[in-house]
Amino acid sequence: MFEYYKSFINMLVTTSTHLEGYKVTEHLGVIRGITVRSRGVGGNFLGGLQTLVGGRNSVYTDLCEQARQEAYDLMMQHAHQHGANAVINMRYDANEVMQGVTEVLAYGTAVKVEKV
């Protein structure tokens, strides 16, 4: 399993439309990673308590970060399956599917690049 994720280590990712110092040699298409998450009863209870106190809500922050990381990892897996060594124009999007259930999408353009 480590070998599988090892290929992601050297993959370049940027929110820009180009990579400074690299030339795009091939566009491989749009890639994405999607996850759908819901809050559990315990998480809602603890998150609600933190809301009453005010300030940073670590319960919901952690849930959001985990969802973004999972979507990002799935996007990287999709890019790897396309043979990419970089992802350009990477973005996140999120939508509420229903109350308490959120979809998180990570997407971008899979490309092959070479150093110039």
N, C-alpha and C. Protein backbone atom coordinates (compact mmCIF):
# COMPACT_ATOMS: atom_id res chain seq x y z
N MET A 1 0.82 -1.19 0.00
CA MET A 1 0.00 0.00 0.00
C MET A 1 0.86 1.25 0.00
N PHE A 2 2.00 1.22 0.72
CA PHE A 2 2.88 2.38 0.76
C PHE A 2 3.36 2.76 -0.64
N GLU A 3 3.69 1.78 -1.45
CA GLU A 3 4.15 2.05 -2.81
C GLU A 3 3.12 2.84 -3.61
N TYR A 4 1.85 2.52 -3.37
CA TYR A 4 0.77 3.19 -4.09
C TYR A 4 0.75 4.68 -3.76
N TYR A 5 0.85 5.02 -2.47
CA TYR A 5 0.82 6.42 -2.06
C TYR A 5 2.15 7.12 -2.28
N LYS A 6 3.21 6.35 -2.39
CA LYS A 6 4.53 6.92 -2.63
C LYS A 6 4.55 7.72 -3.93
N SER A 7 3.74 7.28 -4.91
CA SER A 7 3.71 7.98 -6.20
C SER A 7 3.12 9.38 -6.07
N PHE A 8 2.33 9.63 -5.03
CA PHE A 8 1.73 10.96 -4.84
C PHE A 8 2.73 11.96 -4.29
N ILE A 9 3.76 11.46 -3.63
CA ILE A 9 4.72 12.34 -2.96
C ILE A 9 5.37 13.31 -3.94
N ASN A 10 5.71 12.85 -5.12
CA ASN A 10 6.40 13.70 -6.09
C ASN A 10 5.45 14.43 -7.04
N MET A 11 4.15 14.25 -6.88
CA MET A 11 3.20 14.91 -7.77
C MET A 11 3.05 16.38 -7.35
N LEU A 12 3.17 17.26 -8.32
CA LEU A 12 3.03 18.69 -8.07
C LEU A 12 1.56 19.08 -8.17
N VAL A 13 1.13 19.96 -7.28
CA VAL A 13 -0.25 20.44 -7.29
C VAL A 13 -0.22 21.94 -7.09
N THR A 14 -1.01 22.64 -7.93
CA THR A 14 -1.09 24.09 -7.80
C THR A 14 -2.50 24.57 -8.12
N THR A 15 -2.87 25.70 -7.52
CA THR A 15 -4.15 26.33 -7.85
C THR A 15 -3.99 27.25 -9.06
N SER A 16 -2.77 27.43 -9.51
CA SER A 16 -2.49 28.25 -10.68
C SER A 16 -2.76 27.45 -11.96
N THR A 17 -2.80 28.15 -13.08
CA THR A 17 -3.01 27.48 -14.37
C THR A 17 -1.70 27.02 -14.99
N HIS A 18 -0.58 27.29 -14.32
CA HIS A 18 0.71 26.83 -14.82
C HIS A 18 1.65 26.60 -13.63
N LEU A 19 2.74 25.91 -13.86
CA LEU A 19 3.76 25.66 -12.85
C LEU A 19 5.04 26.37 -13.27
N GLU A 20 5.47 27.30 -12.48
CA GLU A 20 6.70 28.03 -12.76
C GLU A 20 7.88 27.06 -12.83
N GLY A 21 8.64 27.14 -13.92
CA GLY A 21 9.80 26.28 -14.09
C GLY A 21 9.50 24.94 -14.73
N TYR A 22 8.23 24.73 -15.11
CA TYR A 22 7.82 23.48 -15.75
C TYR A 22 7.04 23.78 -17.01
N LYS A 23 7.13 22.85 -17.96
CA LYS A 23 6.38 22.96 -19.21
C LYS A 23 5.36 21.83 -19.24
N VAL A 24 4.09 22.18 -19.49
CA VAL A 24 3.05 21.16 -19.63
C VAL A 24 3.25 20.48 -20.98
N THR A 25 3.46 19.18 -20.94
CA THR A 25 3.67 18.42 -22.18
C THR A 25 2.41 17.69 -22.64
N GLU A 26 1.49 17.47 -21.70
CA GLU A 26 0.26 16.76 -22.06
C GLU A 26 -0.84 17.07 -21.06
N HIS A 27 -2.01 17.42 -21.57
CA HIS A 27 -3.21 17.58 -20.74
C HIS A 27 -3.95 16.24 -20.73
N LEU A 28 -4.24 15.75 -19.53
CA LEU A 28 -4.86 14.43 -19.39
C LEU A 28 -6.33 14.50 -19.00
N GLY A 29 -6.82 15.69 -18.77
CA GLY A 29 -8.24 15.85 -18.48
C GLY A 29 -8.54 16.26 -17.05
N VAL A 30 -9.81 16.49 -16.81
CA VAL A 30 -10.28 16.89 -15.49
C VAL A 30 -10.28 15.66 -14.58
N ILE A 31 -9.78 15.86 -13.38
CA ILE A 31 -9.78 14.78 -12.38
C ILE A 31 -10.49 15.30 -11.15
N ARG A 32 -11.02 14.37 -10.32
CA ARG A 32 -11.74 14.79 -9.15
C ARG A 32 -11.68 13.74 -8.07
N GLY A 33 -11.95 14.20 -6.87
CA GLY A 33 -12.13 13.33 -5.71
C GLY A 33 -13.32 13.87 -4.94
N ILE A 34 -14.24 13.01 -4.59
CA ILE A 34 -15.45 13.45 -3.91
C ILE A 34 -15.70 12.60 -2.68
N THR A 35 -16.15 13.23 -1.62
CA THR A 35 -16.55 12.53 -0.42
C THR A 35 -17.82 13.18 0.12
N VAL A 36 -18.62 12.41 0.79
CA VAL A 36 -19.84 12.92 1.42
C VAL A 36 -19.74 12.58 2.89
N ARG A 37 -19.89 13.60 3.73
CA ARG A 37 -19.73 13.42 5.17
C ARG A 37 -20.97 13.93 5.91
N SER A 38 -21.23 13.30 7.04
CA SER A 38 -22.31 13.77 7.91
C SER A 38 -21.77 13.86 9.33
N ARG A 39 -22.41 14.69 10.10
CA ARG A 39 -22.03 14.83 11.51
C ARG A 39 -22.78 13.77 12.32
N GLY A 40 -22.09 13.14 13.23
CA GLY A 40 -22.73 12.18 14.12
C GLY A 40 -23.39 12.89 15.29
N VAL A 41 -24.18 12.17 16.04
CA VAL A 41 -24.88 12.74 17.19
C VAL A 41 -23.88 13.32 18.19
N GLY A 42 -22.83 12.57 18.48
CA GLY A 42 -21.81 13.05 19.42
C GLY A 42 -21.13 14.30 18.92
N GLY A 43 -20.80 14.32 17.63
CA GLY A 43 -20.15 15.49 17.04
C GLY A 43 -21.06 16.70 17.06
N ASN A 44 -22.34 16.51 16.79
CA ASN A 44 -23.30 17.61 16.85
C ASN A 44 -23.43 18.15 18.26
N PHE A 45 -23.45 17.25 19.24
CA PHE A 45 -23.57 17.68 20.64
C PHE A 45 -22.37 18.51 21.06
N LEU A 46 -21.16 17.96 20.81
CA LEU A 46 -19.94 18.69 21.19
C LEU A 46 -19.78 19.98 20.39
N GLY A 47 -20.09 19.91 19.09
CA GLY A 47 -20.01 21.11 18.25
C GLY A 47 -20.99 22.17 18.72
N GLY A 48 -22.19 21.73 19.11
CA GLY A 48 -23.20 22.66 19.64
C GLY A 48 -22.74 23.33 20.92
N LEU A 49 -22.09 22.56 21.79
CA LEU A 49 -21.56 23.14 23.03
C LEU A 49 -20.50 24.19 22.73
N GLN A 50 -19.62 23.89 21.78
CA GLN A 50 -18.58 24.86 21.42
C GLN A 50 -19.20 26.11 20.80
N THR A 51 -20.30 25.95 20.07
CA THR A 51 -20.98 27.10 19.49
C THR A 51 -21.52 28.03 20.57
N LEU A 52 -22.00 27.44 21.65
CA LEU A 52 -22.52 28.25 22.76
C LEU A 52 -21.43 29.10 23.39
N VAL A 53 -20.23 28.55 23.48
CA VAL A 53 -19.10 29.25 24.09
C VAL A 53 -18.55 30.32 23.14
N GLY A 54 -18.60 30.03 21.85
CA GLY A 54 -18.07 30.97 20.86
C GLY A 54 -16.61 30.67 20.54
N GLY A 55 -16.08 31.36 19.55
CA GLY A 55 -14.69 31.16 19.15
C GLY A 55 -14.55 30.03 18.14
N ARG A 56 -13.34 29.52 18.05
CA ARG A 56 -13.03 28.45 17.09
C ARG A 56 -13.76 27.18 17.49
N ASN A 57 -14.43 26.57 16.53
CA ASN A 57 -15.17 25.34 16.77
C ASN A 57 -14.33 24.18 16.24
N SER A 58 -13.54 23.55 17.13
CA SER A 58 -12.60 22.52 16.70
C SER A 58 -13.29 21.26 16.20
N VAL A 59 -14.48 20.94 16.69
CA VAL A 59 -15.19 19.74 16.25
C VAL A 59 -15.53 19.85 14.77
N TYR A 60 -16.12 20.97 14.36
CA TYR A 60 -16.50 21.14 12.97
C TYR A 60 -15.29 21.44 12.09
N THR A 61 -14.29 22.11 12.64
CA THR A 61 -13.06 22.36 11.89
C THR A 61 -12.39 21.04 11.54
N ASP A 62 -12.30 20.14 12.50
CA ASP A 62 -11.68 18.83 12.25
C ASP A 62 -12.48 18.04 11.22
N LEU A 63 -13.81 18.06 11.32
CA LEU A 63 -14.65 17.35 10.36
C LEU A 63 -14.43 17.89 8.95
N CYS A 64 -14.38 19.21 8.81
CA CYS A 64 -14.16 19.82 7.50
C CYS A 64 -12.77 19.48 6.96
N GLU A 65 -11.77 19.52 7.82
CA GLU A 65 -10.40 19.20 7.37
C GLU A 65 -10.29 17.75 6.94
N GLN A 66 -10.92 16.84 7.67
CA GLN A 66 -10.89 15.43 7.29
C GLN A 66 -11.58 15.21 5.94
N ALA A 67 -12.70 15.89 5.72
CA ALA A 67 -13.42 15.75 4.46
C ALA A 67 -12.58 16.29 3.30
N ARG A 68 -11.95 17.46 3.49
CA ARG A 68 -11.10 18.03 2.43
C ARG A 68 -9.91 17.12 2.13
N GLN A 69 -9.29 16.57 3.18
CA GLN A 69 -8.14 15.69 2.98
C GLN A 69 -8.54 14.44 2.22
N GLU A 70 -9.69 13.87 2.57
CA GLU A 70 -10.16 12.67 1.88
C GLU A 70 -10.45 12.97 0.41
N ALA A 71 -11.10 14.09 0.14
CA ALA A 71 -11.39 14.47 -1.25
C ALA A 71 -10.09 14.71 -2.01
N TYR A 72 -9.12 15.36 -1.37
CA TYR A 72 -7.81 15.62 -1.99
C TYR A 72 -7.10 14.30 -2.32
N ASP A 73 -7.09 13.38 -1.36
CA ASP A 73 -6.43 12.08 -1.58
C ASP A 73 -7.08 11.32 -2.74
N LEU A 74 -8.40 11.37 -2.82
CA LEU A 74 -9.11 10.71 -3.91
C LEU A 74 -8.80 11.37 -5.25
N MET A 75 -8.67 12.70 -5.25
CA MET A 75 -8.30 13.42 -6.47
C MET A 75 -6.89 13.01 -6.92
N MET A 76 -5.97 12.91 -5.96
CA MET A 76 -4.60 12.50 -6.29
C MET A 76 -4.58 11.08 -6.85
N GLN A 77 -5.40 10.21 -6.30
CA GLN A 77 -5.51 8.85 -6.81
C GLN A 77 -6.02 8.86 -8.25
N HIS A 78 -7.01 9.69 -8.53
CA HIS A 78 -7.56 9.80 -9.88
C HIS A 78 -6.50 10.34 -10.85
N ALA A 79 -5.73 11.33 -10.41
CA ALA A 79 -4.66 11.89 -11.24
C ALA A 79 -3.61 10.82 -11.55
N HIS A 80 -3.26 10.04 -10.53
CA HIS A 80 -2.28 8.96 -10.72
C HIS A 80 -2.80 7.94 -11.73
N GLN A 81 -4.08 7.61 -11.65
CA GLN A 81 -4.68 6.65 -12.59
C GLN A 81 -4.63 7.16 -14.03
N HIS A 82 -4.63 8.48 -14.19
CA HIS A 82 -4.53 9.07 -15.52
C HIS A 82 -3.09 9.21 -16.00
N GLY A 83 -2.13 8.88 -15.15
CA GLY A 83 -0.72 8.96 -15.52
C GLY A 83 -0.12 10.34 -15.35
N ALA A 84 -0.75 11.19 -14.56
CA ALA A 84 -0.27 12.56 -14.35
C ALA A 84 0.91 12.59 -13.39
N ASN A 85 1.74 13.62 -13.56
CA ASN A 85 2.76 13.91 -12.56
C ASN A 85 2.54 15.29 -11.95
N ALA A 86 1.40 15.93 -12.32
CA ALA A 86 1.05 17.22 -11.75
C ALA A 86 -0.45 17.47 -11.93
N VAL A 87 -0.97 18.34 -11.07
CA VAL A 87 -2.36 18.80 -11.17
C VAL A 87 -2.32 20.31 -11.14
N ILE A 88 -2.92 20.93 -12.14
CA ILE A 88 -2.99 22.39 -12.19
C ILE A 88 -4.45 22.83 -11.99
N ASN A 89 -4.60 24.09 -11.62
CA ASN A 89 -5.93 24.70 -11.44
C ASN A 89 -6.77 23.90 -10.44
N MET A 90 -6.14 23.45 -9.35
CA MET A 90 -6.82 22.64 -8.34
C MET A 90 -7.76 23.52 -7.53
N ARG A 91 -8.96 23.00 -7.23
CA ARG A 91 -9.98 23.72 -6.48
C ARG A 91 -10.72 22.77 -5.54
N TYR A 92 -11.39 23.36 -4.55
CA TYR A 92 -12.33 22.65 -3.68
C TYR A 92 -13.70 23.25 -3.88
N ASP A 93 -14.72 22.43 -3.69
CA ASP A 93 -16.10 22.89 -3.69
C ASP A 93 -16.83 22.07 -2.64
N ALA A 94 -17.85 22.65 -2.06
CA ALA A 94 -18.65 21.92 -1.07
C ALA A 94 -20.11 22.32 -1.22
N ASN A 95 -20.98 21.35 -1.04
CA ASN A 95 -22.42 21.57 -1.11
C ASN A 95 -23.10 20.76 -0.03
N GLU A 96 -24.16 21.32 0.50
CA GLU A 96 -24.96 20.56 1.45
C GLU A 96 -25.95 19.72 0.67
N VAL A 97 -25.85 18.39 0.79
CA VAL A 97 -26.74 17.47 0.09
C VAL A 97 -28.11 17.48 0.76
N MET A 98 -28.09 17.45 2.08
CA MET A 98 -29.28 17.58 2.90
C MET A 98 -28.81 18.08 4.25
N GLN A 99 -29.70 18.45 5.13
CA GLN A 99 -29.28 19.01 6.41
C GLN A 99 -28.34 18.05 7.14
N GLY A 100 -27.15 18.53 7.44
CA GLY A 100 -26.17 17.73 8.16
C GLY A 100 -25.31 16.83 7.29
N VAL A 101 -25.54 16.82 5.97
CA VAL A 101 -24.77 15.97 5.05
C VAL A 101 -24.14 16.86 3.99
N THR A 102 -22.82 16.84 3.93
CA THR A 102 -22.10 17.73 3.03
C THR A 102 -21.22 16.95 2.07
N GLU A 103 -21.24 17.38 0.81
CA GLU A 103 -20.38 16.83 -0.23
C GLU A 103 -19.17 17.75 -0.35
N VAL A 104 -17.97 17.18 -0.40
CA VAL A 104 -16.76 17.95 -0.62
C VAL A 104 -16.09 17.39 -1.87
N LEU A 105 -15.76 18.28 -2.78
CA LEU A 105 -15.17 17.91 -4.06
C LEU A 105 -13.83 18.61 -4.22
N ALA A 106 -12.81 17.86 -4.58
CA ALA A 106 -11.51 18.41 -4.96
C ALA A 106 -11.33 18.08 -6.44
N TYR A 107 -10.96 19.08 -7.23
CA TYR A 107 -10.83 18.82 -8.66
C TYR A 107 -9.75 19.71 -9.27
N GLY A 108 -9.32 19.33 -10.45
CA GLY A 108 -8.30 20.08 -11.17
C GLY A 108 -8.05 19.44 -12.53
N THR A 109 -6.98 19.87 -13.17
CA THR A 109 -6.60 19.32 -14.46
C THR A 109 -5.34 18.49 -14.31
N ALA A 110 -5.45 17.23 -14.68
CA ALA A 110 -4.28 16.33 -14.63
C ALA A 110 -3.40 16.62 -15.84
N VAL A 111 -2.10 16.77 -15.60
CA VAL A 111 -1.17 17.06 -16.68
C VAL A 111 0.12 16.28 -16.47
N LYS A 112 0.88 16.20 -17.56
CA LYS A 112 2.26 15.75 -17.48
C LYS A 112 3.12 16.98 -17.70
N VAL A 113 4.12 17.14 -16.86
CA VAL A 113 5.02 18.29 -16.96
C VAL A 113 6.46 17.82 -16.98
N GLU A 114 7.31 18.67 -17.51
CA GLU A 114 8.76 18.43 -17.43
C GLU A 114 9.43 19.72 -17.07
N LYS A 115 10.51 19.61 -16.33
CA LYS A 115 11.27 20.78 -15.87
C LYS A 115 11.92 21.45 -17.07
N VAL A 116 11.88 22.79 -17.10
CA VAL A 116 12.52 23.54 -18.18
C VAL A 116 13.84 24.13 -17.73
